[in-house]
C-alpha atoms as a PDB file:
ATOM      1  CA  MET A   1     -12.306  32.334   4.891  1.00  0.00           C
ATOM      2  CA  PRO A   2     -15.697  30.816   5.823  1.00  0.00           C
ATOM      3  CA  THR A   3     -17.019  31.700   8.991  1.00  0.00           C
ATOM      4  CA  ASP A   4     -18.137  28.100  10.035  1.00  0.00           C
ATOM      5  CA  ASP A   5     -14.488  27.462   9.826  1.00  0.00           C
ATOM      6  CA  ILE A   6     -13.405  29.522  12.665  1.00  0.00           C
ATOM      7  CA  GLU A   7     -13.369  28.730  16.103  1.00  0.00           C
ATOM      8  CA  GLU A   8     -14.202  31.873  18.686  1.00  0.00           C
ATOM      9  CA  ARG A   9     -12.130  31.567  22.559  1.00  0.00           C
ATOM     10  CA  LEU A  10     -14.317  33.622  24.724  1.00  0.00           C
ATOM     11  CA  LEU A  11     -11.858  35.507  27.357  1.00  0.00           C
ATOM     12  CA  ASP A  12     -14.394  37.585  29.720  1.00  0.00           C
ATOM     13  CA  VAL A  13     -12.232  39.901  31.595  1.00  0.00           C
ATOM     14  CA  ARG A  14     -14.852  42.141  32.768  1.00  0.00           C
ATOM     15  CA  ASP A  15     -14.176  41.370  36.814  1.00  0.00           C
ATOM     16  CA  LEU A  16     -10.263  41.654  36.429  1.00  0.00           C
ATOM     17  CA  GLU A  17      -8.327  44.558  37.506  1.00  0.00           C
ATOM     18  CA  PRO A  18      -5.887  46.026  35.426  1.00  0.00           C
ATOM     19  CA  PRO A  19      -3.176  44.561  34.060  1.00  0.00           C
ATOM     20  CA  GLU A  20      -4.924  41.004  34.335  1.00  0.00           C
ATOM     21  CA  PRO A  21      -7.065  41.835  31.431  1.00  0.00           C
ATOM     22  CA  LEU A  22      -3.791  42.474  28.864  1.00  0.00           C
ATOM     23  CA  GLU A  23      -1.495  40.174  30.459  1.00  0.00           C
ATOM     24  CA  ARG A  24      -4.766  37.591  29.970  1.00  0.00           C
ATOM     25  CA  VAL A  25      -5.315  38.179  26.262  1.00  0.00           C
ATOM     26  CA  LEU A  26      -1.569  38.153  25.218  1.00  0.00           C
ATOM     27  CA  ALA A  27      -1.295  35.123  26.811  1.00  0.00           C
ATOM     28  CA  GLU A  28      -4.431  34.141  24.890  1.00  0.00           C
ATOM     29  CA  MET A  29      -2.971  35.457  21.534  1.00  0.00           C
ATOM     30  CA  GLU A  30       0.137  33.243  22.158  1.00  0.00           C
ATOM     31  CA  THR A  31      -1.771  30.461  21.517  1.00  0.00           C
ATOM     32  CA  LEU A  32      -4.253  31.459  18.592  1.00  0.00           C
ATOM     33  CA  GLY A  33      -4.257  29.621  15.545  1.00  0.00           C
ATOM     34  CA  ARG A  34      -5.170  30.893  12.055  1.00  0.00           C
ATOM     35  CA  ARG A  35      -8.659  29.554  11.890  1.00  0.00           C
ATOM     36  CA  GLN A  36      -9.043  30.736  15.875  1.00  0.00           C
ATOM     37  CA  ARG A  37     -10.464  34.469  17.035  1.00  0.00           C
ATOM     38  CA  ILE A  38     -10.478  35.880  20.055  1.00  0.00           C
ATOM     39  CA  ARG A  39     -13.705  37.565  21.724  1.00  0.00           C
ATOM     40  CA  MET A  40     -12.821  39.523  24.610  1.00  0.00           C
ATOM     41  CA  LEU A  41     -15.452  40.908  27.053  1.00  0.00           C
ATOM     42  CA  HIS A  42     -13.926  44.234  28.767  1.00  0.00           C
ATOM     43  CA  ARG A  43     -15.612  46.919  30.738  1.00  0.00           C
ATOM     44  CA  ARG A  44     -13.671  49.637  29.960  1.00  0.00           C
ATOM     45  CA  ASP A  45     -11.913  50.534  25.858  1.00  0.00           C
ATOM     46  CA  PRO A  46      -8.222  48.550  26.249  1.00  0.00           C
ATOM     47  CA  TYR A  47      -6.492  51.085  23.973  1.00  0.00           C
ATOM     48  CA  MET A  48      -3.298  50.213  25.712  1.00  0.00           C
ATOM     49  CA  LEU A  49      -3.817  46.480  23.715  1.00  0.00           C
ATOM     50  CA  TYR A  50      -4.231  48.033  20.220  1.00  0.00           C
ATOM     51  CA  PRO A  51      -0.177  48.838  19.451  1.00  0.00           C
ATOM     52  CA  ILE A  52       0.287  45.729  20.828  1.00  0.00           C
ATOM     53  CA  LEU A  53      -2.282  43.805  17.975  1.00  0.00           C
ATOM     54  CA  GLU A  54      -0.781  46.171  15.521  1.00  0.00           C
ATOM     55  CA  ARG A  55       3.164  45.450  16.156  1.00  0.00           C
ATOM     56  CA  GLU A  56       2.316  41.938  16.543  1.00  0.00           C
ATOM     57  CA  HIS A  57       0.333  41.421  13.230  1.00  0.00           C
ATOM     58  CA  PHE A  58      -3.291  40.736  14.549  1.00  0.00           C
ATOM     59  CA  ALA A  59      -6.125  42.744  13.463  1.00  0.00           C
ATOM     60  CA  HIS A  60      -9.404  43.828  15.572  1.00  0.00           C
ATOM     61  CA  GLU A  61     -12.736  44.708  15.543  1.00  0.00           C
ATOM     62  CA  THR A  62     -14.562  46.508  18.742  1.00  0.00           C
ATOM     63  CA  SER A  63     -17.941  47.047  19.194  1.00  0.00           C
ATOM     64  CA  ILE A  64     -19.719  48.713  22.330  1.00  0.00           C
ATOM     65  CA  THR A  65     -22.912  47.235  23.539  1.00  0.00           C
ATOM     66  CA  ASP A  66     -25.827  49.412  24.904  1.00  0.00           C
ATOM     67  CA  ASP A  67     -24.929  48.659  28.071  1.00  0.00           C
ATOM     68  CA  GLY A  68     -21.173  49.903  27.810  1.00  0.00           C
ATOM     69  CA  GLU A  69     -19.381  46.916  27.590  1.00  0.00           C
ATOM     70  CA  PHE A  70     -16.449  46.258  25.110  1.00  0.00           C
ATOM     71  CA  HIS A  71     -16.413  43.626  22.724  1.00  0.00           C
ATOM     72  CA  ILE A  72     -13.319  43.434  20.847  1.00  0.00           C
ATOM     73  CA  LEU A  73     -12.705  40.359  18.304  1.00  0.00           C
ATOM     74  CA  ILE A  74      -8.992  39.363  17.778  1.00  0.00           C
ATOM     75  CA  TRP A  75      -7.112  37.310  15.012  1.00  0.00           C
ATOM     76  CA  ARG A  76      -4.169  36.796  13.324  1.00  0.00           C
ATOM     77  CA  LYS A  77      -3.515  39.002  10.027  1.00  0.00           C
END
């Protein structure tokens, strides 16, 4: 799939307290289309999210910035 056809949604949850980041990303995932991705910005590693992504047939890539922020890219498998 050409990457220029993909729409990326930004979800910045860095200033939210648990469980709101998880609730927000789960709500976004429900409406995610095949040519869309979510880029979630988080101040912590959302380790509880990963099993949910797997169970719901989503893929993800997690990277950590130099200042310790987590960027999680989420898309449908």
